[in-house]
Amino acid sequence: QSPLPGVDEALVIAGSDRRGAIYGVYELSEQIGVSPWYD
């Protein structure tokens, strides 16, 4: 809730390092139904 001025609510994906953030992004992709093997 209200992570920054002007933003009422956000889904925040934060990584400890670059691959941490990348894995969080692709986790969301998989959760919404996009398989790693879509390609």
ModelCIF file with pLDDT and N, C-alpha, C, O atoms, coordinates in Angstrom:
data_MODEL
#
_entry.id   MODEL 
#
_entity.id                         1 
_entity.type                       polymer 
_entity.pdbx_number_of_molecules   1 
#
_entity_poly.entity_id                      1 
_entity_poly.type                           'polypeptide(L)' 
_entity_poly.nstd_linkage                   no 
_entity_poly.nstd_monomer                   no 
_entity_poly.pdbx_seq_one_letter_code       QSPLPGVDEALVIAGSDRRGAIYGVYELSEQIGVSPWYD 
_entity_poly.pdbx_seq_one_letter_code_can   QSPLPGVDEALVIAGSDRRGAIYGVYELSEQIGVSPWYD 
_entity_poly.pdbx_strand_id                 A 
#
loop_
_entity_poly_seq.entity_id 
_entity_poly_seq.num 
_entity_poly_seq.mon_id 
_entity_poly_seq.hetero 
1 1  GLN n 
1 2  SER n 
1 3  PRO n 
1 4  LEU n 
1 5  PRO n 
1 6  GLY n 
1 7  VAL n 
1 8  ASP n 
1 9  GLU n 
1 10 ALA n 
1 11 LEU n 
1 12 VAL n 
1 13 ILE n 
1 14 ALA n 
1 15 GLY n 
1 16 SER n 
1 17 ASP n 
1 18 ARG n 
1 19 ARG n 
1 20 GLY n 
1 21 ALA n 
1 22 ILE n 
1 23 TYR n 
1 24 GLY n 
1 25 VAL n 
1 26 TYR n 
1 27 GLU n 
1 28 LEU n 
1 29 SER n 
1 30 GLU n 
1 31 GLN n 
1 32 ILE n 
1 33 GLY n 
1 34 VAL n 
1 35 SER n 
1 36 PRO n 
1 37 TRP n 
1 38 TYR n 
1 39 ASP n 
#
_struct_asym.id          A 
_struct_asym.entity_id   1 
#
loop_
_ma_qa_metric.id 
_ma_qa_metric.mode 
_ma_qa_metric.name 
_ma_qa_metric.software_group_id 
_ma_qa_metric.type 
1 global pLDDT . pLDDT 
2 local  pLDDT . pLDDT 
#
_ma_qa_metric_global.metric_id      1 
_ma_qa_metric_global.metric_value   97.72 
_ma_qa_metric_global.model_id       1 
_ma_qa_metric_global.ordinal_id     1 
#
loop_
_ma_qa_metric_local.label_asym_id 
_ma_qa_metric_local.label_comp_id 
_ma_qa_metric_local.label_seq_id 
_ma_qa_metric_local.metric_id 
_ma_qa_metric_local.metric_value 
_ma_qa_metric_local.model_id 
_ma_qa_metric_local.ordinal_id 
A GLN 1  2 97.00 1 1  
A SER 2  2 97.00 1 2  
A PRO 3  2 98.00 1 3  
A LEU 4  2 97.00 1 4  
A PRO 5  2 96.00 1 5  
A GLY 6  2 96.00 1 6  
A VAL 7  2 98.00 1 7  
A ASP 8  2 98.00 1 8  
A GLU 9  2 98.00 1 9  
A ALA 10 2 98.00 1 10 
A LEU 11 2 98.00 1 11 
A VAL 12 2 98.00 1 12 
A ILE 13 2 98.00 1 13 
A ALA 14 2 98.00 1 14 
A GLY 15 2 98.00 1 15 
A SER 16 2 98.00 1 16 
A ASP 17 2 98.00 1 17 
A ARG 18 2 98.00 1 18 
A ARG 19 2 98.00 1 19 
A GLY 20 2 98.00 1 20 
A ALA 21 2 98.00 1 21 
A ILE 22 2 98.00 1 22 
A TYR 23 2 98.00 1 23 
A GLY 24 2 98.00 1 24 
A VAL 25 2 98.00 1 25 
A TYR 26 2 98.00 1 26 
A GLU 27 2 98.00 1 27 
A LEU 28 2 98.00 1 28 
A SER 29 2 98.00 1 29 
A GLU 30 2 97.00 1 30 
A GLN 31 2 97.00 1 31 
A ILE 32 2 97.00 1 32 
A GLY 33 2 97.00 1 33 
A VAL 34 2 98.00 1 34 
A SER 35 2 98.00 1 35 
A PRO 36 2 98.00 1 36 
A TRP 37 2 98.00 1 37 
A TYR 38 2 98.00 1 38 
A ASP 39 2 98.00 1 39 
#
loop_
_atom_site.group_PDB 
_atom_site.id 
_atom_site.type_symbol 
_atom_site.label_atom_id 
_atom_site.label_alt_id 
_atom_site.label_comp_id 
_atom_site.label_asym_id 
_atom_site.label_entity_id 
_atom_site.label_seq_id 
_atom_site.pdbx_PDB_ins_code 
_atom_site.Cartn_x 
_atom_site.Cartn_y 
_atom_site.Cartn_z 
_atom_site.occupancy 
_atom_site.B_iso_or_equiv 
_atom_site.pdbx_formal_charge 
_atom_site.auth_seq_id 
_atom_site.auth_comp_id 
_atom_site.auth_asym_id 
_atom_site.auth_atom_id 
_atom_site.pdbx_PDB_model_num 
ATOM 1   N N  . GLN A 1 1  ? 0.845  -1.189  0.000   1.00 97.00 ? 1  GLN A N  1 
ATOM 2   C CA . GLN A 1 1  ? 0.000  0.000   0.000   1.00 97.00 ? 1  GLN A CA 1 
ATOM 3   C C  . GLN A 1 1  ? 0.886  1.246   0.000   1.00 97.00 ? 1  GLN A C  1 
ATOM 4   O O  . GLN A 1 1  ? 1.824  1.348   0.791   1.00 97.00 ? 1  GLN A O  1 
ATOM 5   N N  . SER A 1 2  ? 0.585  2.191   -0.889  1.00 97.00 ? 2  SER A N  1 
ATOM 6   C CA . SER A 1 2  ? 1.280  3.481   -0.961  1.00 97.00 ? 2  SER A CA 1 
ATOM 7   C C  . SER A 1 2  ? 2.801  3.333   -0.905  1.00 97.00 ? 2  SER A C  1 
ATOM 8   O O  . SER A 1 2  ? 3.436  3.912   -0.024  1.00 97.00 ? 2  SER A O  1 
ATOM 9   N N  . PRO A 1 3  ? 3.392  2.580   -1.814  1.00 98.00 ? 3  PRO A N  1 
ATOM 10  C CA . PRO A 1 3  ? 4.849  2.408   -1.764  1.00 98.00 ? 3  PRO A CA 1 
ATOM 11  C C  . PRO A 1 3  ? 5.606  3.680   -2.077  1.00 98.00 ? 3  PRO A C  1 
ATOM 12  O O  . PRO A 1 3  ? 6.719  3.881   -1.592  1.00 98.00 ? 3  PRO A O  1 
ATOM 13  N N  . LEU A 1 4  ? 4.998  4.554   -2.897  1.00 97.00 ? 4  LEU A N  1 
ATOM 14  C CA . LEU A 1 4  ? 5.624  5.813   -3.305  1.00 97.00 ? 4  LEU A CA 1 
ATOM 15  C C  . LEU A 1 4  ? 4.532  6.869   -3.465  1.00 97.00 ? 4  LEU A C  1 
ATOM 16  O O  . LEU A 1 4  ? 3.365  6.524   -3.655  1.00 97.00 ? 4  LEU A O  1 
ATOM 17  N N  . PRO A 1 5  ? 4.890  8.136   -3.391  1.00 96.00 ? 5  PRO A N  1 
ATOM 18  C CA . PRO A 1 5  ? 3.886  9.186   -3.610  1.00 96.00 ? 5  PRO A CA 1 
ATOM 19  C C  . PRO A 1 5  ? 3.217  9.024   -4.972  1.00 96.00 ? 5  PRO A C  1 
ATOM 20  O O  . PRO A 1 5  ? 3.890  8.863   -5.991  1.00 96.00 ? 5  PRO A O  1 
ATOM 21  N N  . GLY A 1 6  ? 1.895  9.068   -4.978  1.00 96.00 ? 6  GLY A N  1 
ATOM 22  C CA . GLY A 1 6  ? 1.148  8.954   -6.223  1.00 96.00 ? 6  GLY A CA 1 
ATOM 23  C C  . GLY A 1 6  ? 0.780  7.534   -6.603  1.00 96.00 ? 6  GLY A C  1 
ATOM 24  O O  . GLY A 1 6  ? 0.000  7.324   -7.532  1.00 96.00 ? 6  GLY A O  1 
ATOM 25  N N  . VAL A 1 7  ? 1.329  6.558   -5.900  1.00 98.00 ? 7  VAL A N  1 
ATOM 26  C CA . VAL A 1 7  ? 1.013  5.148   -6.162  1.00 98.00 ? 7  VAL A CA 1 
ATOM 27  C C  . VAL A 1 7  ? 0.214  4.622   -4.977  1.00 98.00 ? 7  VAL A C  1 
ATOM 28  O O  . VAL A 1 7  ? 0.730  4.517   -3.864  1.00 98.00 ? 7  VAL A O  1 
ATOM 29  N N  . ASP A 1 8  ? -1.055 4.293   -5.230  1.00 98.00 ? 8  ASP A N  1 
ATOM 30  C CA . ASP A 1 8  ? -1.917 3.835   -4.140  1.00 98.00 ? 8  ASP A CA 1 
ATOM 31  C C  . ASP A 1 8  ? -1.569 2.423   -3.691  1.00 98.00 ? 8  ASP A C  1 
ATOM 32  O O  . ASP A 1 8  ? -1.553 2.126   -2.497  1.00 98.00 ? 8  ASP A O  1 
ATOM 33  N N  . GLU A 1 9  ? -1.290 1.559   -4.657  1.00 98.00 ? 9  GLU A N  1 
ATOM 34  C CA . GLU A 1 9  ? -0.938 0.177   -4.327  1.00 98.00 ? 9  GLU A CA 1 
ATOM 35  C C  . GLU A 1 9  ? -0.134 -0.407  -5.485  1.00 98.00 ? 9  GLU A C  1 
ATOM 36  O O  . GLU A 1 9  ? -0.365 -0.079  -6.649  1.00 98.00 ? 9  GLU A O  1 
ATOM 37  N N  . ALA A 1 10 ? 0.808  -1.274  -5.145  1.00 98.00 ? 10 ALA A N  1 
ATOM 38  C CA . ALA A 1 10 ? 1.644  -1.888  -6.186  1.00 98.00 ? 10 ALA A CA 1 
ATOM 39  C C  . ALA A 1 10 ? 2.013  -3.299  -5.788  1.00 98.00 ? 10 ALA A C  1 
ATOM 40  O O  . ALA A 1 10 ? 2.097  -3.644  -4.610  1.00 98.00 ? 10 ALA A O  1 
ATOM 41  N N  . LEU A 1 11 ? 2.228  -4.101  -6.814  1.00 98.00 ? 11 LEU A N  1 
ATOM 42  C CA . LEU A 1 11 ? 2.887  -5.386  -6.605  1.00 98.00 ? 11 LEU A CA 1 
ATOM 43  C C  . LEU A 1 11 ? 4.370  -5.105  -6.806  1.00 98.00 ? 11 LEU A C  1 
ATOM 44  O O  . LEU A 1 11 ? 4.807  -4.797  -7.915  1.00 98.00 ? 11 LEU A O  1 
ATOM 45  N N  . VAL A 1 12 ? 5.136  -5.211  -5.734  1.00 98.00 ? 12 VAL A N  1 
ATOM 46  C CA . VAL A 1 12 ? 6.559  -4.889  -5.757  1.00 98.00 ? 12 VAL A CA 1 
ATOM 47  C C  . VAL A 1 12 ? 7.350  -6.189  -5.826  1.00 98.00 ? 12 VAL A C  1 
ATOM 48  O O  . VAL A 1 12 ? 7.206  -7.055  -4.963  1.00 98.00 ? 12 VAL A O  1 
ATOM 49  N N  . ILE A 1 13 ? 8.186  -6.325  -6.854  1.00 98.00 ? 13 ILE A N  1 
ATOM 50  C CA . ILE A 1 13 ? 9.064  -7.484  -7.001  1.00 98.00 ? 13 ILE A CA 1 
ATOM 51  C C  . ILE A 1 13 ? 10.493 -6.990  -6.838  1.00 98.00 ? 13 ILE A C  1 
ATOM 52  O O  . ILE A 1 13 ? 11.042 -6.329  -7.721  1.00 98.00 ? 13 ILE A O  1 
ATOM 53  N N  . ALA A 1 14 ? 11.089 -7.322  -5.689  1.00 98.00 ? 14 ALA A N  1 
ATOM 54  C CA . ALA A 1 14 ? 12.441 -6.849  -5.367  1.00 98.00 ? 14 ALA A CA 1 
ATOM 55  C C  . ALA A 1 14 ? 13.386 -8.037  -5.289  1.00 98.00 ? 14 ALA A C  1 
ATOM 56  O O  . ALA A 1 14 ? 13.055 -9.063  -4.694  1.00 98.00 ? 14 ALA A O  1 
ATOM 57  N N  . GLY A 1 15 ? 14.569 -7.898  -5.891  1.00 98.00 ? 15 GLY A N  1 
ATOM 58  C CA . GLY A 1 15 ? 15.547 -8.968  -5.875  1.00 98.00 ? 15 GLY A CA 1 
ATOM 59  C C  . GLY A 1 15 ? 16.782 -8.602  -5.092  1.00 98.00 ? 15 GLY A C  1 
ATOM 60  O O  . GLY A 1 15 ? 17.185 -7.438  -5.070  1.00 98.00 ? 15 GLY A O  1 
ATOM 61  N N  . SER A 1 16 ? 17.395 -9.591  -4.442  1.00 98.00 ? 16 SER A N  1 
ATOM 62  C CA . SER A 1 16 ? 18.635 -9.343  -3.703  1.00 98.00 ? 16 SER A CA 1 
ATOM 63  C C  . SER A 1 16 ? 19.772 -8.992  -4.647  1.00 98.00 ? 16 SER A C  1 
ATOM 64  O O  . SER A 1 16 ? 20.717 -8.301  -4.264  1.00 98.00 ? 16 SER A O  1 
ATOM 65  N N  . ASP A 1 17 ? 19.679 -9.468  -5.879  1.00 98.00 ? 17 ASP A N  1 
ATOM 66  C CA . ASP A 1 17 ? 20.647 -9.197  -6.932  1.00 98.00 ? 17 ASP A CA 1 
ATOM 67  C C  . ASP A 1 17 ? 19.886 -9.282  -8.246  1.00 98.00 ? 17 ASP A C  1 
ATOM 68  O O  . ASP A 1 17 ? 18.664 -9.435  -8.247  1.00 98.00 ? 17 ASP A O  1 
ATOM 69  N N  . ARG A 1 18 ? 20.594 -9.185  -9.362  1.00 98.00 ? 18 ARG A N  1 
ATOM 70  C CA . ARG A 1 18 ? 19.874 -9.111  -10.626 1.00 98.00 ? 18 ARG A CA 1 
ATOM 71  C C  . ARG A 1 18 ? 19.089 -10.379 -10.921 1.00 98.00 ? 18 ARG A C  1 
ATOM 72  O O  . ARG A 1 18 ? 17.959 -10.304 -11.404 1.00 98.00 ? 18 ARG A O  1 
ATOM 73  N N  . ARG A 1 19 ? 19.675 -11.557 -10.637 1.00 98.00 ? 19 ARG A N  1 
ATOM 74  C CA . ARG A 1 19 ? 18.917 -12.765 -10.916 1.00 98.00 ? 19 ARG A CA 1 
ATOM 75  C C  . ARG A 1 19 ? 17.779 -12.963 -9.927  1.00 98.00 ? 19 ARG A C  1 
ATOM 76  O O  . ARG A 1 19 ? 16.763 -13.568 -10.271 1.00 98.00 ? 19 ARG A O  1 
ATOM 77  N N  . GLY A 1 20 ? 17.930 -12.466 -8.711  1.00 98.00 ? 20 GLY A N  1 
ATOM 78  C CA . GLY A 1 20 ? 16.810 -12.523 -7.794  1.00 98.00 ? 20 GLY A CA 1 
ATOM 79  C C  . GLY A 1 20 ? 15.609 -11.795 -8.371  1.00 98.00 ? 20 GLY A C  1 
ATOM 80  O O  . GLY A 1 20 ? 14.500 -12.328 -8.367  1.00 98.00 ? 20 GLY A O  1 
ATOM 81  N N  . ALA A 1 21 ? 15.820 -10.571 -8.872  1.00 98.00 ? 21 ALA A N  1 
ATOM 82  C CA . ALA A 1 21 ? 14.736 -9.799  -9.480  1.00 98.00 ? 21 ALA A CA 1 
ATOM 83  C C  . ALA A 1 21 ? 14.202 -10.492 -10.724 1.00 98.00 ? 21 ALA A C  1 
ATOM 84  O O  . ALA A 1 21 ? 12.991 -10.523 -10.943 1.00 98.00 ? 21 ALA A O  1 
ATOM 85  N N  . ILE A 1 22 ? 15.090 -11.046 -11.540 1.00 98.00 ? 22 ILE A N  1 
ATOM 86  C CA . ILE A 1 22 ? 14.676 -11.746 -12.763 1.00 98.00 ? 22 ILE A CA 1 
ATOM 87  C C  . ILE A 1 22 ? 13.799 -12.943 -12.421 1.00 98.00 ? 22 ILE A C  1 
ATOM 88  O O  . ILE A 1 22 ? 12.776 -13.164 -13.068 1.00 98.00 ? 22 ILE A O  1 
ATOM 89  N N  . TYR A 1 23 ? 14.185 -13.712 -11.415 1.00 98.00 ? 23 TYR A N  1 
ATOM 90  C CA . TYR A 1 23 ? 13.387 -14.878 -11.037 1.00 98.00 ? 23 TYR A CA 1 
ATOM 91  C C  . TYR A 1 23 ? 12.016 -14.471 -10.511 1.00 98.00 ? 23 TYR A C  1 
ATOM 92  O O  . TYR A 1 23 ? 11.021 -15.149 -10.764 1.00 98.00 ? 23 TYR A O  1 
ATOM 93  N N  . GLY A 1 24 ? 11.967 -13.352 -9.773  1.00 98.00 ? 24 GLY A N  1 
ATOM 94  C CA . GLY A 1 24 ? 10.676 -12.866 -9.303  1.00 98.00 ? 24 GLY A CA 1 
ATOM 95  C C  . GLY A 1 24 ? 9.764  -12.494 -10.452 1.00 98.00 ? 24 GLY A C  1 
ATOM 96  O O  . GLY A 1 24 ? 8.564  -12.763 -10.410 1.00 98.00 ? 24 GLY A O  1 
ATOM 97  N N  . VAL A 1 25 ? 10.328 -11.876 -11.480 1.00 98.00 ? 25 VAL A N  1 
ATOM 98  C CA . VAL A 1 25 ? 9.548  -11.506 -12.670 1.00 98.00 ? 25 VAL A CA 1 
ATOM 99  C C  . VAL A 1 25 ? 9.011  -12.753 -13.356 1.00 98.00 ? 25 VAL A C  1 
ATOM 100 O O  . VAL A 1 25 ? 7.827  -12.824 -13.686 1.00 98.00 ? 25 VAL A O  1 
ATOM 101 N N  . TYR A 1 26 ? 9.883  -13.740 -13.573 1.00 98.00 ? 26 TYR A N  1 
ATOM 102 C CA . TYR A 1 26 ? 9.446  -14.939 -14.284 1.00 98.00 ? 26 TYR A CA 1 
ATOM 103 C C  . TYR A 1 26 ? 8.532  -15.816 -13.425 1.00 98.00 ? 26 TYR A C  1 
ATOM 104 O O  . TYR A 1 26 ? 7.753  -16.608 -13.955 1.00 98.00 ? 26 TYR A O  1 
ATOM 105 N N  . GLU A 1 27 ? 8.625  -15.675 -12.100 1.00 98.00 ? 27 GLU A N  1 
ATOM 106 C CA . GLU A 1 27 ? 7.655  -16.340 -11.230 1.00 98.00 ? 27 GLU A CA 1 
ATOM 107 C C  . GLU A 1 27 ? 6.254  -15.797 -11.500 1.00 98.00 ? 27 GLU A C  1 
ATOM 108 O O  . GLU A 1 27 ? 5.292  -16.558 -11.608 1.00 98.00 ? 27 GLU A O  1 
ATOM 109 N N  . LEU A 1 28 ? 6.153  -14.473 -11.606 1.00 98.00 ? 28 LEU A N  1 
ATOM 110 C CA . LEU A 1 28 ? 4.851  -13.880 -11.903 1.00 98.00 ? 28 LEU A CA 1 
ATOM 111 C C  . LEU A 1 28 ? 4.364  -14.327 -13.277 1.00 98.00 ? 28 LEU A C  1 
ATOM 112 O O  . LEU A 1 28 ? 3.183  -14.634 -13.445 1.00 98.00 ? 28 LEU A O  1 
ATOM 113 N N  . SER A 1 29 ? 5.260  -14.367 -14.259 1.00 98.00 ? 29 SER A N  1 
ATOM 114 C CA . SER A 1 29 ? 4.873  -14.833 -15.593 1.00 98.00 ? 29 SER A CA 1 
ATOM 115 C C  . SER A 1 29 ? 4.268  -16.229 -15.532 1.00 98.00 ? 29 SER A C  1 
ATOM 116 O O  . SER A 1 29 ? 3.242  -16.504 -16.154 1.00 98.00 ? 29 SER A O  1 
ATOM 117 N N  . GLU A 1 30 ? 4.922  -17.106 -14.772 1.00 97.00 ? 30 GLU A N  1 
ATOM 118 C CA . GLU A 1 30 ? 4.424  -18.478 -14.680 1.00 97.00 ? 30 GLU A CA 1 
ATOM 119 C C  . GLU A 1 30 ? 3.094  -18.531 -13.932 1.00 97.00 ? 30 GLU A C  1 
ATOM 120 O O  . GLU A 1 30 ? 2.213  -19.318 -14.276 1.00 97.00 ? 30 GLU A O  1 
ATOM 121 N N  . GLN A 1 31 ? 2.956  -17.691 -12.909 1.00 97.00 ? 31 GLN A N  1 
ATOM 122 C CA . GLN A 1 31 ? 1.712  -17.677 -12.141 1.00 97.00 ? 31 GLN A CA 1 
ATOM 123 C C  . GLN A 1 31 ? 0.513  -17.219 -12.974 1.00 97.00 ? 31 GLN A C  1 
ATOM 124 O O  . GLN A 1 31 ? -0.610 -17.672 -12.752 1.00 97.00 ? 31 GLN A O  1 
ATOM 125 N N  . ILE A 1 32 ? 0.753  -16.320 -13.934 1.00 97.00 ? 32 ILE A N  1 
ATOM 126 C CA . ILE A 1 32 ? -0.376 -15.863 -14.760 1.00 97.00 ? 32 ILE A CA 1 
ATOM 127 C C  . ILE A 1 32 ? -0.638 -16.798 -15.942 1.00 97.00 ? 32 ILE A C  1 
ATOM 128 O O  . ILE A 1 32 ? -1.539 -16.560 -16.747 1.00 97.00 ? 32 ILE A O  1 
ATOM 129 N N  . GLY A 1 33 ? 0.169  -17.875 -16.037 1.00 97.00 ? 33 GLY A N  1 
ATOM 130 C CA . GLY A 1 33 ? -0.141 -18.906 -17.015 1.00 97.00 ? 33 GLY A CA 1 
ATOM 131 C C  . GLY A 1 33 ? 0.791  -19.039 -18.193 1.00 97.00 ? 33 GLY A C  1 
ATOM 132 O O  . GLY A 1 33 ? 0.465  -19.736 -19.154 1.00 97.00 ? 33 GLY A O  1 
ATOM 133 N N  . VAL A 1 34 ? 1.970  -18.378 -18.149 1.00 98.00 ? 34 VAL A N  1 
ATOM 134 C CA . VAL A 1 34 ? 2.927  -18.482 -19.248 1.00 98.00 ? 34 VAL A CA 1 
ATOM 135 C C  . VAL A 1 34 ? 4.018  -19.472 -18.852 1.00 98.00 ? 34 VAL A C  1 
ATOM 136 O O  . VAL A 1 34 ? 4.831  -19.187 -17.973 1.00 98.00 ? 34 VAL A O  1 
ATOM 137 N N  . SER A 1 35 ? 4.035  -20.631 -19.499 1.00 98.00 ? 35 SER A N  1 
ATOM 138 C CA . SER A 1 35 ? 5.025  -21.661 -19.202 1.00 98.00 ? 35 SER A CA 1 
ATOM 139 C C  . SER A 1 35 ? 6.412  -21.214 -19.642 1.00 98.00 ? 35 SER A C  1 
ATOM 140 O O  . SER A 1 35 ? 6.543  -20.508 -20.642 1.00 98.00 ? 35 SER A O  1 
ATOM 141 N N  . PRO A 1 36 ? 7.470  -21.622 -18.899 1.00 98.00 ? 36 PRO A N  1 
ATOM 142 C CA . PRO A 1 36 ? 8.829  -21.363 -19.385 1.00 98.00 ? 36 PRO A CA 1 
ATOM 143 C C  . PRO A 1 36 ? 9.063  -21.937 -20.777 1.00 98.00 ? 36 PRO A C  1 
ATOM 144 O O  . PRO A 1 36 ? 9.956  -21.483 -21.493 1.00 98.00 ? 36 PRO A O  1 
ATOM 145 N N  . TRP A 1 37 ? 8.273  -22.925 -21.164 1.00 98.00 ? 37 TRP A N  1 
ATOM 146 C CA . TRP A 1 37 ? 8.413  -23.619 -22.439 1.00 98.00 ? 37 TRP A CA 1 
ATOM 147 C C  . TRP A 1 37 ? 7.446  -23.092 -23.495 1.00 98.00 ? 37 TRP A C  1 
ATOM 148 O O  . TRP A 1 37 ? 7.178  -23.782 -24.478 1.00 98.00 ? 37 TRP A O  1 
ATOM 149 N N  . TYR A 1 38 ? 6.917  -21.880 -23.311 1.00 98.00 ? 38 TYR A N  1 
ATOM 150 C CA . TYR A 1 38 ? 5.971  -21.330 -24.287 1.00 98.00 ? 38 TYR A CA 1 
ATOM 151 C C  . TYR A 1 38 ? 6.609  -21.207 -25.670 1.00 98.00 ? 38 TYR A C  1 
ATOM 152 O O  . TYR A 1 38 ? 5.924  -21.317 -26.686 1.00 98.00 ? 38 TYR A O  1 
ATOM 153 N N  . ASP A 1 39 ? 7.923  -20.979 -25.705 1.00 98.00 ? 39 ASP A N  1 
ATOM 154 C CA . ASP A 1 39 ? 8.634  -20.801 -26.963 1.00 98.00 ? 39 ASP A CA 1 
ATOM 155 C C  . ASP A 1 39 ? 9.152  -22.128 -27.481 1.00 98.00 ? 39 ASP A C  1 
ATOM 156 O O  . ASP A 1 39 ? 9.781  -22.175 -28.538 1.00 98.00 ? 39 ASP A O  1 
#
